[in-house]
C-alpha cells in the first residue's frame, strides 16, 4: 500500500536523556531520519502491567519520509530499551518546500 502522504513525524519516548540522544543520533546516522529533536524531561502517566504508573521520560521527534518510515520503525524497534516502545507516525500534510526537499535528500540511503 502506498501512503497518501510523502513526509511524516515519528514520536517515541524513553527513560533517559542518554537513551533519547542515542536513538536520535543512530537514526540520523542510519539516514532513516533527517533529524531528531529530543524534548524533556516530560512526565508520562500510563497503564502498564495492570496499574497506572507515572515516570519521567524524554521524547524524541523524528522527521522522515513515508518511504523511509518502515526502516525508521525497524531501527527504533531494534535499538529501543522498552519492551513495547511508543512508535507513532503522524503524516505531514504541508511544509516549507525547501525543508521538505532537504528532508528527502538527507534520508536517501548512501
PDB file of N, CA and C in Angstrom:
ATOM      1  N   UNK A   1       0.843  -1.184   0.000  1.00  0.00           N
ATOM      2  CA  UNK A   1       0.000   0.000   0.000  1.00  0.00           C
ATOM      3  C   UNK A   1       0.888   1.247   0.000  1.00  0.00           C
ATOM      4  N   UNK A   2       0.625   2.163  -0.897  1.00  0.00           N
ATOM      5  CA  UNK A   2       1.369   3.416  -0.971  1.00  0.00           C
ATOM      6  C   UNK A   2       0.693   4.445  -0.073  1.00  0.00           C
ATOM      7  N   UNK A   3       1.440   5.065   0.845  1.00  0.00           N
ATOM      8  CA  UNK A   3       0.817   6.071   1.727  1.00  0.00           C
ATOM      9  C   UNK A   3       0.310   7.260   0.921  1.00  0.00           C
ATOM     10  N   UNK A   4      -0.675   7.931   1.470  1.00  0.00           N
ATOM     11  CA  UNK A   4      -1.241   9.116   0.830  1.00  0.00           C
ATOM     12  C   UNK A   4      -0.450  10.374   1.176  1.00  0.00           C
ATOM     13  N   UNK A   5       0.608  10.231   1.892  1.00  0.00           N
ATOM     14  CA  UNK A   5       1.439  11.363   2.295  1.00  0.00           C
ATOM     15  C   UNK A   5       2.884  11.053   1.924  1.00  0.00           C
ATOM     16  N   UNK A   6       3.705  12.076   1.853  1.00  0.00           N
ATOM     17  CA  UNK A   6       5.100  11.887   1.464  1.00  0.00           C
ATOM     18  C   UNK A   6       6.065  12.010   2.638  1.00  0.00           C
ATOM     19  N   UNK A   7       5.664  12.763   3.666  1.00  0.00           N
ATOM     20  CA  UNK A   7       6.536  13.030   4.813  1.00  0.00           C
ATOM     21  C   UNK A   7       5.791  12.730   6.104  1.00  0.00           C
ATOM     22  N   UNK A   8       6.558  12.478   7.173  1.00  0.00           N
ATOM     23  CA  UNK A   8       5.921  12.212   8.457  1.00  0.00           C
ATOM     24  C   UNK A   8       6.851  12.575   9.597  1.00  0.00           C
ATOM     25  N   UNK A   9       6.238  12.743  10.770  1.00  0.00           N
ATOM     26  CA  UNK A   9       6.957  12.879  12.029  1.00  0.00           C
ATOM     27  C   UNK A   9       6.665  11.622  12.837  1.00  0.00           C
ATOM     28  N   UNK A  10       7.692  11.112  13.475  1.00  0.00           N
ATOM     29  CA  UNK A  10       7.563   9.888  14.263  1.00  0.00           C
ATOM     30  C   UNK A  10       8.009  10.212  15.681  1.00  0.00           C
ATOM     31  N   UNK A  11       7.231   9.771  16.651  1.00  0.00           N
ATOM     32  CA  UNK A  11       7.496  10.082  18.056  1.00  0.00           C
ATOM     33  C   UNK A  11       7.742   8.795  18.830  1.00  0.00           C
ATOM     34  N   UNK A  12       8.716   8.864  19.733  1.00  0.00           N
ATOM     35  CA  UNK A  12       8.912   7.813  20.716  1.00  0.00           C
ATOM     36  C   UNK A  12       9.285   8.477  22.034  1.00  0.00           C
ATOM     37  N   UNK A  13       9.243   7.716  23.116  1.00  0.00           N
ATOM     38  CA  UNK A  13       9.716   8.184  24.421  1.00  0.00           C
ATOM     39  C   UNK A  13      10.654   7.132  24.984  1.00  0.00           C
ATOM     40  N   UNK A  14      11.534   7.585  25.870  1.00  0.00           N
ATOM     41  CA  UNK A  14      12.465   6.670  26.527  1.00  0.00           C
ATOM     42  C   UNK A  14      12.776   7.176  27.927  1.00  0.00           C
ATOM     43  N   UNK A  15      13.489   6.380  28.695  1.00  0.00           N
ATOM     44  CA  UNK A  15      13.636   6.645  30.124  1.00  0.00           C
ATOM     45  C   UNK A  15      14.829   7.500  30.523  1.00  0.00           C
ATOM     46  N   UNK A  16      15.676   7.918  29.565  1.00  0.00           N
ATOM     47  CA  UNK A  16      16.822   8.753  29.949  1.00  0.00           C
ATOM     48  C   UNK A  16      17.235   9.650  28.789  1.00  0.00           C
ATOM     49  N   UNK A  17      17.902  10.726  29.139  1.00  0.00           N
ATOM     50  CA  UNK A  17      18.408  11.651  28.120  1.00  0.00           C
ATOM     51  C   UNK A  17      19.425  10.942  27.228  1.00  0.00           C
ATOM     52  N   UNK A  18      20.285  10.141  27.824  1.00  0.00           N
ATOM     53  CA  UNK A  18      21.306   9.456  27.020  1.00  0.00           C
ATOM     54  C   UNK A  18      20.681   8.455  26.048  1.00  0.00           C
ATOM     55  N   UNK A  19      19.634   7.760  26.469  1.00  0.00           N
ATOM     56  CA  UNK A  19      18.941   6.831  25.565  1.00  0.00           C
ATOM     57  C   UNK A  19      18.255   7.594  24.435  1.00  0.00           C
ATOM     58  N   UNK A  20      17.637   8.730  24.753  1.00  0.00           N
ATOM     59  CA  UNK A  20      16.991   9.560  23.732  1.00  0.00           C
ATOM     60  C   UNK A  20      18.018  10.082  22.734  1.00  0.00           C
ATOM     61  N   UNK A  21      19.141  10.577  23.241  1.00  0.00           N
ATOM     62  CA  UNK A  21      20.205  11.075  22.365  1.00  0.00           C
ATOM     63  C   UNK A  21      20.742   9.967  21.464  1.00  0.00           C
ATOM     64  N   UNK A  22      20.896   8.767  22.004  1.00  0.00           N
ATOM     65  CA  UNK A  22      21.396   7.644  21.206  1.00  0.00           C
ATOM     66  C   UNK A  22      20.416   7.260  20.102  1.00  0.00           C
ATOM     67  N   UNK A  23      19.122   7.248  20.414  1.00  0.00           N
ATOM     68  CA  UNK A  23      18.127   6.950  19.384  1.00  0.00           C
ATOM     69  C   UNK A  23      18.140   8.015  18.295  1.00  0.00           C
ATOM     70  N   UNK A  24      18.236   9.293  18.696  1.00  0.00           N
ATOM     71  CA  UNK A  24      18.252  10.399  17.733  1.00  0.00           C
ATOM     72  C   UNK A  24      19.474  10.304  16.825  1.00  0.00           C
ATOM     73  N   UNK A  25      20.643  10.156  17.428  1.00  0.00           N
ATOM     74  CA  UNK A  25      21.887  10.092  16.643  1.00  0.00           C
ATOM     75  C   UNK A  25      21.906   8.864  15.740  1.00  0.00           C
ATOM     76  N   UNK A  26      21.503   7.732  16.280  1.00  0.00           N
ATOM     77  CA  UNK A  26      21.508   6.497  15.495  1.00  0.00           C
ATOM     78  C   UNK A  26      20.608   6.572  14.275  1.00  0.00           C
ATOM     79  N   UNK A  27      19.430   7.163  14.438  1.00  0.00           N
ATOM     80  CA  UNK A  27      18.501   7.289  13.311  1.00  0.00           C
ATOM     81  C   UNK A  27      19.057   8.223  12.243  1.00  0.00           C
ATOM     82  N   UNK A  28      19.661   9.325  12.672  1.00  0.00           N
ATOM     83  CA  UNK A  28      20.254  10.255  11.711  1.00  0.00           C
ATOM     84  C   UNK A  28      21.437   9.597  10.998  1.00  0.00           C
ATOM     85  N   UNK A  29      22.308   8.925  11.748  1.00  0.00           N
ATOM     86  CA  UNK A  29      23.456   8.264  11.135  1.00  0.00           C
ATOM     87  C   UNK A  29      23.029   7.176  10.153  1.00  0.00           C
ATOM     88  N   UNK A  30      21.940   6.479  10.456  1.00  0.00           N
ATOM     89  CA  UNK A  30      21.420   5.435   9.567  1.00  0.00           C
ATOM     90  C   UNK A  30      20.629   6.019   8.391  1.00  0.00           C
ATOM     91  N   UNK A  31      20.424   7.312   8.401  1.00  0.00           N
ATOM     92  CA  UNK A  31      19.695   8.036   7.364  1.00  0.00           C
ATOM     93  C   UNK A  31      18.226   7.593   7.253  1.00  0.00           C
ATOM     94  N   UNK A  32      17.677   7.113   8.372  1.00  0.00           N
ATOM     95  CA  UNK A  32      16.250   6.784   8.401  1.00  0.00           C
ATOM     96  C   UNK A  32      15.435   7.963   8.899  1.00  0.00           C
ATOM     97  N   UNK A  33      16.123   9.005   9.368  1.00  0.00           N
ATOM     98  CA  UNK A  33      15.503  10.280   9.742  1.00  0.00           C
ATOM     99  C   UNK A  33      16.486  11.378   9.365  1.00  0.00           C
ATOM    100  N   UNK A  34      15.952  12.492   8.864  1.00  0.00           N
ATOM    101  CA  UNK A  34      16.817  13.627   8.509  1.00  0.00           C
ATOM    102  C   UNK A  34      17.266  14.360   9.762  1.00  0.00           C
ATOM    103  N   UNK A  35      16.410  14.370  10.778  1.00  0.00           N
ATOM    104  CA  UNK A  35      16.763  14.979  12.050  1.00  0.00           C
ATOM    105  C   UNK A  35      15.870  14.405  13.133  1.00  0.00           C
ATOM    106  N   UNK A  36      16.289  14.642  14.358  1.00  0.00           N
ATOM    107  CA  UNK A  36      15.506  14.202  15.507  1.00  0.00           C
ATOM    108  C   UNK A  36      15.684  15.225  16.609  1.00  0.00           C
ATOM    109  N   UNK A  37      14.602  15.553  17.263  1.00  0.00           N
ATOM    110  CA  UNK A  37      14.632  16.517  18.359  1.00  0.00           C
ATOM    111  C   UNK A  37      14.306  15.800  19.656  1.00  0.00           C
ATOM    112  N   UNK A  38      15.133  16.045  20.663  1.00  0.00           N
ATOM    113  CA  UNK A  38      14.934  15.461  21.991  1.00  0.00           C
ATOM    114  C   UNK A  38      14.281  16.515  22.876  1.00  0.00           C
ATOM    115  N   UNK A  39      13.171  16.128  23.496  1.00  0.00           N
ATOM    116  CA  UNK A  39      12.402  17.029  24.361  1.00  0.00           C
ATOM    117  C   UNK A  39      12.312  16.381  25.740  1.00  0.00           C
ATOM    118  N   UNK A  40      12.572  17.172  26.772  1.00  0.00           N
ATOM    119  CA  UNK A  40      12.383  16.590  28.084  1.00  0.00           C
ATOM    120  C   UNK A  40      13.242  17.234  29.141  1.00  0.00           C
ATOM    121  N   UNK A  41      13.051  16.763  30.324  1.00  0.00           N
ATOM    122  CA  UNK A  41      12.193  15.641  30.676  1.00  0.00           C
ATOM    123  C   UNK A  41      10.704  16.021  30.641  1.00  0.00           C
ATOM    124  N   UNK A  42       9.894  15.005  30.424  1.00  0.00           N
ATOM    125  CA  UNK A  42       8.447  15.126  30.481  1.00  0.00           C
ATOM    126  C   UNK A  42       7.950  14.114  31.512  1.00  0.00           C
ATOM    127  N   UNK A  43       6.732  14.270  31.957  1.00  0.00           N
ATOM    128  CA  UNK A  43       6.120  13.305  32.862  1.00  0.00           C
ATOM    129  C   UNK A  43       5.061  12.537  32.095  1.00  0.00           C
ATOM    130  N   UNK A  44       5.156  11.231  32.103  1.00  0.00           N
ATOM    131  CA  UNK A  44       4.189  10.371  31.424  1.00  0.00           C
ATOM    132  C   UNK A  44       3.411   9.563  32.450  1.00  0.00           C
ATOM    133  N   UNK A  45       2.115   9.484  32.262  1.00  0.00           N
ATOM    134  CA  UNK A  45       1.244   8.660  33.099  1.00  0.00           C
ATOM    135  C   UNK A  45       0.564   7.668  32.172  1.00  0.00           C
ATOM    136  N   UNK A  46       0.624   6.373  32.528  1.00  0.00           N
ATOM    137  CA  UNK A  46       0.197   5.334  31.598  1.00  0.00           C
ATOM    138  C   UNK A  46      -0.157   4.052  32.341  1.00  0.00           C
ATOM    139  N   UNK A  47      -0.929   3.205  31.652  1.00  0.00           N
ATOM    140  CA  UNK A  47      -1.211   1.875  32.159  1.00  0.00           C
ATOM    141  C   UNK A  47      -0.054   0.964  31.776  1.00  0.00           C
ATOM    142  N   UNK A  48       0.437   0.171  32.734  1.00  0.00           N
ATOM    143  CA  UNK A  48       1.454  -0.843  32.441  1.00  0.00           C
ATOM    144  C   UNK A  48       1.333  -1.964  33.456  1.00  0.00           C
ATOM    145  N   UNK A  49       1.208  -3.175  32.958  1.00  0.00           N
ATOM    146  CA  UNK A  49       1.123  -4.371  33.786  1.00  0.00           C
ATOM    147  C   UNK A  49       0.023  -4.262  34.841  1.00  0.00           C
ATOM    148  N   UNK A  50      -1.149  -3.789  34.399  1.00  0.00           N
ATOM    149  CA  UNK A  50      -2.329  -3.796  35.250  1.00  0.00           C
ATOM    150  C   UNK A  50      -2.485  -2.638  36.208  1.00  0.00           C
ATOM    151  N   UNK A  51      -1.608  -1.640  36.127  1.00  0.00           N
ATOM    152  CA  UNK A  51      -1.754  -0.498  37.033  1.00  0.00           C
ATOM    153  C   UNK A  51      -1.321   0.787  36.332  1.00  0.00           C
ATOM    154  N   UNK A  52      -1.765   1.891  36.897  1.00  0.00           N
ATOM    155  CA  UNK A  52      -1.363   3.200  36.378  1.00  0.00           C
ATOM    156  C   UNK A  52      -0.029   3.567  37.010  1.00  0.00           C
ATOM    157  N   UNK A  53       0.901   4.005  36.163  1.00  0.00           N
ATOM    158  CA  UNK A  53       2.228   4.376  36.629  1.00  0.00           C
ATOM    159  C   UNK A  53       2.562   5.763  36.085  1.00  0.00           C
ATOM    160  N   UNK A  54       3.507   6.415  36.718  1.00  0.00           N
ATOM    161  CA  UNK A  54       3.997   7.719  36.276  1.00  0.00           C
ATOM    162  C   UNK A  54       5.512   7.659  36.266  1.00  0.00           C
ATOM    163  N   UNK A  55       6.110   8.219  35.198  1.00  0.00           N
ATOM    164  CA  UNK A  55       7.563   8.189  35.080  1.00  0.00           C
ATOM    165  C   UNK A  55       8.061   9.420  34.340  1.00  0.00           C
ATOM    166  N   UNK A  56       9.303   9.763  34.598  1.00  0.00           N
ATOM    167  CA  UNK A  56       9.970  10.825  33.855  1.00  0.00           C
ATOM    168  C   UNK A  56      10.542  10.196  32.582  1.00  0.00           C
ATOM    169  N   UNK A  57      10.267  10.838  31.452  1.00  0.00           N
ATOM    170  CA  UNK A  57      10.739  10.332  30.168  1.00  0.00           C
ATOM    171  C   UNK A  57      11.259  11.480  29.307  1.00  0.00           C
ATOM    172  N   UNK A  58      11.903  11.107  28.208  1.00  0.00           N
ATOM    173  CA  UNK A  58      12.346  12.048  27.186  1.00  0.00           C
ATOM    174  C   UNK A  58      11.680  11.632  25.894  1.00  0.00           C
ATOM    175  N   UNK A  59      11.177  12.613  25.169  1.00  0.00           N
ATOM    176  CA  UNK A  59      10.509  12.374  23.897  1.00  0.00           C
ATOM    177  C   UNK A  59      11.486  12.664  22.761  1.00  0.00           C
ATOM    178  N   UNK A  60      11.423  11.846  21.730  1.00  0.00           N
ATOM    179  CA  UNK A  60      12.228  12.075  20.536  1.00  0.00           C
ATOM    180  C   UNK A  60      11.264  12.181  19.355  1.00  0.00           C
ATOM    181  N   UNK A  61      11.397  13.272  18.590  1.00  0.00           N
ATOM    182  CA  UNK A  61      10.560  13.520  17.407  1.00  0.00           C
ATOM    183  C   UNK A  61      11.474  13.433  16.191  1.00  0.00           C
ATOM    184  N   UNK A  62      11.195  12.472  15.323  1.00  0.00           N
ATOM    185  CA  UNK A  62      11.982  12.240  14.118  1.00  0.00           C
ATOM    186  C   UNK A  62      11.249  12.792  12.903  1.00  0.00           C
ATOM    187  N   UNK A  63      12.003  13.338  11.948  1.00  0.00           N
ATOM    188  CA  UNK A  63      11.435  13.786  10.672  1.00  0.00           C
ATOM    189  C   UNK A  63      11.959  12.847   9.595  1.00  0.00           C
ATOM    190  N   UNK A  64      11.035  12.286   8.800  1.00  0.00           N
ATOM    191  CA  UNK A  64      11.436  11.354   7.757  1.00  0.00           C
ATOM    192  C   UNK A  64      10.431  11.366   6.611  1.00  0.00           C
ATOM    193  N   UNK A  65      10.691  10.533   5.623  1.00  0.00           N
ATOM    194  CA  UNK A  65       9.761  10.380   4.506  1.00  0.00           C
ATOM    195  C   UNK A  65       8.901   9.149   4.749  1.00  0.00           C
ATOM    196  N   UNK A  66       7.753   9.112   4.097  1.00  0.00           N
ATOM    197  CA  UNK A  66       6.891   7.932   4.199  1.00  0.00           C
ATOM    198  C   UNK A  66       7.639   6.698   3.692  1.00  0.00           C
ATOM    199  N   UNK A  67       8.445   6.880   2.668  1.00  0.00           N
ATOM    200  CA  UNK A  67       9.223   5.778   2.108  1.00  0.00           C
ATOM    201  C   UNK A  67      10.218   5.204   3.121  1.00  0.00           C
ATOM    202  N   UNK A  68      10.809   6.056   3.953  1.00  0.00           N
ATOM    203  CA  UNK A  68      11.816   5.609   4.921  1.00  0.00           C
ATOM    204  C   UNK A  68      11.219   5.221   6.282  1.00  0.00           C
ATOM    205  N   UNK A  69       9.903   5.481   6.462  1.00  0.00           N
ATOM    206  CA  UNK A  69       9.288   5.154   7.748  1.00  0.00           C
ATOM    207  C   UNK A  69       9.502   3.691   8.165  1.00  0.00           C
ATOM    208  N   UNK A  70       9.270   2.703   7.284  1.00  0.00           N
ATOM    209  CA  UNK A  70       9.467   1.316   7.742  1.00  0.00           C
ATOM    210  C   UNK A  70      10.883   1.054   8.268  1.00  0.00           C
ATOM    211  N   UNK A  71      11.882   1.641   7.628  1.00  0.00           N
ATOM    212  CA  UNK A  71      13.259   1.455   8.094  1.00  0.00           C
ATOM    213  C   UNK A  71      13.473   2.144   9.438  1.00  0.00           C
ATOM    214  N   UNK A  72      12.864   3.320   9.620  1.00  0.00           N
ATOM    215  CA  UNK A  72      12.960   4.006  10.917  1.00  0.00           C
ATOM    216  C   UNK A  72      12.278   3.179  12.002  1.00  0.00           C
ATOM    217  N   UNK A  73      11.090   2.675  11.721  1.00  0.00           N
ATOM    218  CA  UNK A  73      10.389   1.849  12.710  1.00  0.00           C
ATOM    219  C   UNK A  73      11.238   0.636  13.097  1.00  0.00           C
ATOM    220  N   UNK A  74      11.816  -0.030  12.127  1.00  0.00           N
ATOM    221  CA  UNK A  74      12.665  -1.186  12.416  1.00  0.00           C
ATOM    222  C   UNK A  74      13.888  -0.775  13.235  1.00  0.00           C
ATOM    223  N   UNK A  75      14.488   0.359  12.888  1.00  0.00           N
ATOM    224  CA  UNK A  75      15.637   0.872  13.635  1.00  0.00           C
ATOM    225  C   UNK A  75      15.254   1.111  15.102  1.00  0.00           C
ATOM    226  N   UNK A  76      14.109   1.744  15.327  1.00  0.00           N
ATOM    227  CA  UNK A  76      13.667   2.021  16.693  1.00  0.00           C
ATOM    228  C   UNK A  76      13.376   0.723  17.457  1.00  0.00           C
ATOM    229  N   UNK A  77      12.706  -0.216  16.816  1.00  0.00           N
ATOM    230  CA  UNK A  77      12.418  -1.492  17.481  1.00  0.00           C
ATOM    231  C   UNK A  77      13.713  -2.206  17.881  1.00  0.00           C
ATOM    232  N   UNK A  78      14.726  -2.114  17.032  1.00  0.00           N
ATOM    233  CA  UNK A  78      15.988  -2.806  17.277  1.00  0.00           C
ATOM    234  C   UNK A  78      16.848  -2.140  18.348  1.00  0.00           C
ATOM    235  N   UNK A  79      16.714  -0.817  18.504  1.00  0.00           N
ATOM    236  CA  UNK A  79      17.618  -0.083  19.383  1.00  0.00           C
ATOM    237  C   UNK A  79      16.958   0.484  20.641  1.00  0.00           C
ATOM    238  N   UNK A  80      15.656   0.299  20.778  1.00  0.00           N
ATOM    239  CA  UNK A  80      14.925   0.877  21.910  1.00  0.00           C
ATOM    240  C   UNK A  80      15.034  -0.024  23.124  1.00  0.00           C
ATOM    241  N   UNK A  81      15.112   0.558  24.297  1.00  0.00           N
ATOM    242  CA  UNK A  81      15.230  -0.200  25.532  1.00  0.00           C
ATOM    243  C   UNK A  81      13.919  -0.696  26.115  1.00  0.00           C
ATOM    244  N   UNK A  82      12.781  -0.218  25.617  1.00  0.00           N
ATOM    245  CA  UNK A  82      11.478  -0.624  26.160  1.00  0.00           C
ATOM    246  C   UNK A  82      11.004  -1.922  25.517  1.00  0.00           C
ATOM    247  N   UNK A  83      10.243  -2.718  26.279  1.00  0.00           N
ATOM    248  CA  UNK A  83       9.624  -3.925  25.730  1.00  0.00           C
ATOM    249  C   UNK A  83       8.599  -3.576  24.663  1.00  0.00           C
ATOM    250  N   UNK A  84       7.813  -2.523  24.921  1.00  0.00           N
ATOM    251  CA  UNK A  84       6.772  -2.078  23.990  1.00  0.00           C
ATOM    252  C   UNK A  84       6.958  -0.575  23.775  1.00  0.00           C
ATOM    253  N   UNK A  85       7.880  -0.190  22.887  1.00  0.00           N
ATOM    254  CA  UNK A  85       8.135   1.246  22.706  1.00  0.00           C
ATOM    255  C   UNK A  85       7.001   1.945  21.965  1.00  0.00           C
ATOM    256  N   UNK A  86       6.754   3.163  22.384  1.00  0.00           N
ATOM    257  CA  UNK A  86       5.846   4.029  21.633  1.00  0.00           C
ATOM    258  C   UNK A  86       6.539   4.365  20.314  1.00  0.00           C
ATOM    259  N   UNK A  87       5.874   4.073  19.206  1.00  0.00           N
ATOM    260  CA  UNK A  87       6.335   4.494  17.882  1.00  0.00           C
ATOM    261  C   UNK A  87       5.081   4.921  17.139  1.00  0.00           C
ATOM    262  N   UNK A  88       4.863   6.237  17.078  1.00  0.00           N
ATOM    263  CA  UNK A  88       3.680   6.783  16.429  1.00  0.00           C
ATOM    264  C   UNK A  88       4.097   7.635  15.240  1.00  0.00           C
ATOM    265  N   UNK A  89       3.452   7.397  14.114  1.00  0.00           N
ATOM    266  CA  UNK A  89       3.766   8.105  12.874  1.00  0.00           C
ATOM    267  C   UNK A  89       2.606   9.030  12.514  1.00  0.00           C
ATOM    268  N   UNK A  90       2.922  10.321  12.358  1.00  0.00           N
ATOM    269  CA  UNK A  90       1.909  11.319  12.002  1.00  0.00           C
ATOM    270  C   UNK A  90       2.243  11.899  10.633  1.00  0.00           C
ATOM    271  N   UNK A  91       1.318  11.819   9.680  1.00  0.00           N
ATOM    272  CA  UNK A  91       1.577  12.388   8.361  1.00  0.00           C
ATOM    273  C   UNK A  91       1.780  13.898   8.419  1.00  0.00           C
ATOM    274  N   UNK A  92       2.684  14.387   7.592  1.00  0.00           N
ATOM    275  CA  UNK A  92       2.877  15.820   7.393  1.00  0.00           C
ATOM    276  C   UNK A  92       2.157  16.158   6.099  1.00  0.00           C
ATOM    277  N   UNK A  93       1.169  17.017   6.180  1.00  0.00           N
ATOM    278  CA  UNK A  93       0.354  17.324   5.002  1.00  0.00           C
ATOM    279  C   UNK A  93       0.841  18.549   4.239  1.00  0.00           C
ATOM    280  N   UNK A  94       1.689  19.362   4.861  1.00  0.00           N
ATOM    281  CA  UNK A  94       2.240  20.539   4.196  1.00  0.00           C
ATOM    282  C   UNK A  94       3.473  20.992   4.960  1.00  0.00           C
ATOM    283  N   UNK A  95       4.321  21.762   4.283  1.00  0.00           N
ATOM    284  CA  UNK A  95       5.512  22.279   4.941  1.00  0.00           C
ATOM    285  C   UNK A  95       6.317  23.146   3.990  1.00  0.00           C
ATOM    286  N   UNK A  96       7.354  23.770   4.515  1.00  0.00           N
ATOM    287  CA  UNK A  96       8.257  24.591   3.721  1.00  0.00           C
ATOM    288  C   UNK A  96       8.877  23.707   2.634  1.00  0.00           C
ATOM    289  N   UNK A  97       8.641  24.002   1.355  1.00  0.00           N
ATOM    290  CA  UNK A  97       9.164  23.154   0.285  1.00  0.00           C
ATOM    291  C   UNK A  97      10.677  22.933   0.365  1.00  0.00           C
ATOM    292  N   UNK A  98      11.428  23.955   0.719  1.00  0.00           N
ATOM    293  CA  UNK A  98      12.881  23.810   0.824  1.00  0.00           C
ATOM    294  C   UNK A  98      13.251  22.829   1.937  1.00  0.00           C
ATOM    295  N   UNK A  99      12.548  22.899   3.055  1.00  0.00           N
ATOM    296  CA  UNK A  99      12.798  21.976   4.163  1.00  0.00           C
ATOM    297  C   UNK A  99      12.459  20.547   3.747  1.00  0.00           C
ATOM    298  N   UNK A 100      11.332  20.377   3.074  1.00  0.00           N
ATOM    299  CA  UNK A 100      10.921  19.035   2.654  1.00  0.00           C
ATOM    300  C   UNK A 100      11.901  18.452   1.633  1.00  0.00           C
ATOM    301  N   UNK A 101      12.425  19.273   0.760  1.00  0.00           N
ATOM    302  CA  UNK A 101      13.449  18.809  -0.189  1.00  0.00           C
ATOM    303  C   UNK A 101      14.696  18.354   0.573  1.00  0.00           C
ATOM    304  N   UNK A 102      15.097  19.136   1.572  1.00  0.00           N
ATOM    305  CA  UNK A 102      16.246  18.767   2.406  1.00  0.00           C
ATOM    306  C   UNK A 102      15.978  17.443   3.108  1.00  0.00           C
ATOM    307  N   UNK A 103      14.784  17.295   3.662  1.00  0.00           N
ATOM    308  CA  UNK A 103      14.411  16.071   4.358  1.00  0.00           C
ATOM    309  C   UNK A 103      14.534  14.863   3.424  1.00  0.00           C
ATOM    310  N   UNK A 104      14.048  14.990   2.201  1.00  0.00           N
ATOM    311  CA  UNK A 104      14.157  13.906   1.223  1.00  0.00           C
ATOM    312  C   UNK A 104      15.607  13.571   0.924  1.00  0.00           C
ATOM    313  N   UNK A 105      16.407  14.609   0.705  1.00  0.00           N
ATOM    314  CA  UNK A 105      17.814  14.402   0.359  1.00  0.00           C
ATOM    315  C   UNK A 105      18.568  13.700   1.485  1.00  0.00           C
ATOM    316  N   UNK A 106      18.292  14.072   2.719  1.00  0.00           N
ATOM    317  CA  UNK A 106      19.062  13.539   3.855  1.00  0.00           C
ATOM    318  C   UNK A 106      18.615  12.171   4.329  1.00  0.00           C
ATOM    319  N   UNK A 107      17.498  11.669   3.804  1.00  0.00           N
ATOM    320  CA  UNK A 107      17.060  10.326   4.183  1.00  0.00           C
ATOM    321  C   UNK A 107      17.304   9.311   3.071  1.00  0.00           C
ATOM    322  N   UNK A 108      17.878   9.758   1.955  1.00  0.00           N
ATOM    323  CA  UNK A 108      18.215   8.802   0.899  1.00  0.00           C
ATOM    324  C   UNK A 108      19.385   7.935   1.376  1.00  0.00           C
ATOM    325  N   UNK A 109      19.260   6.625   1.200  1.00  0.00           N
ATOM    326  CA  UNK A 109      20.400   5.777   1.567  1.00  0.00           C
ATOM    327  C   UNK A 109      21.625   6.134   0.742  1.00  0.00           C
ATOM    328  N   UNK A 110      22.779   6.086   1.345  1.00  0.00           N
ATOM    329  CA  UNK A 110      24.031   6.398   0.639  1.00  0.00           C
ATOM    330  C   UNK A 110      24.684   5.127   0.150  1.00  0.00           C
TER     331      UNK A 110
END
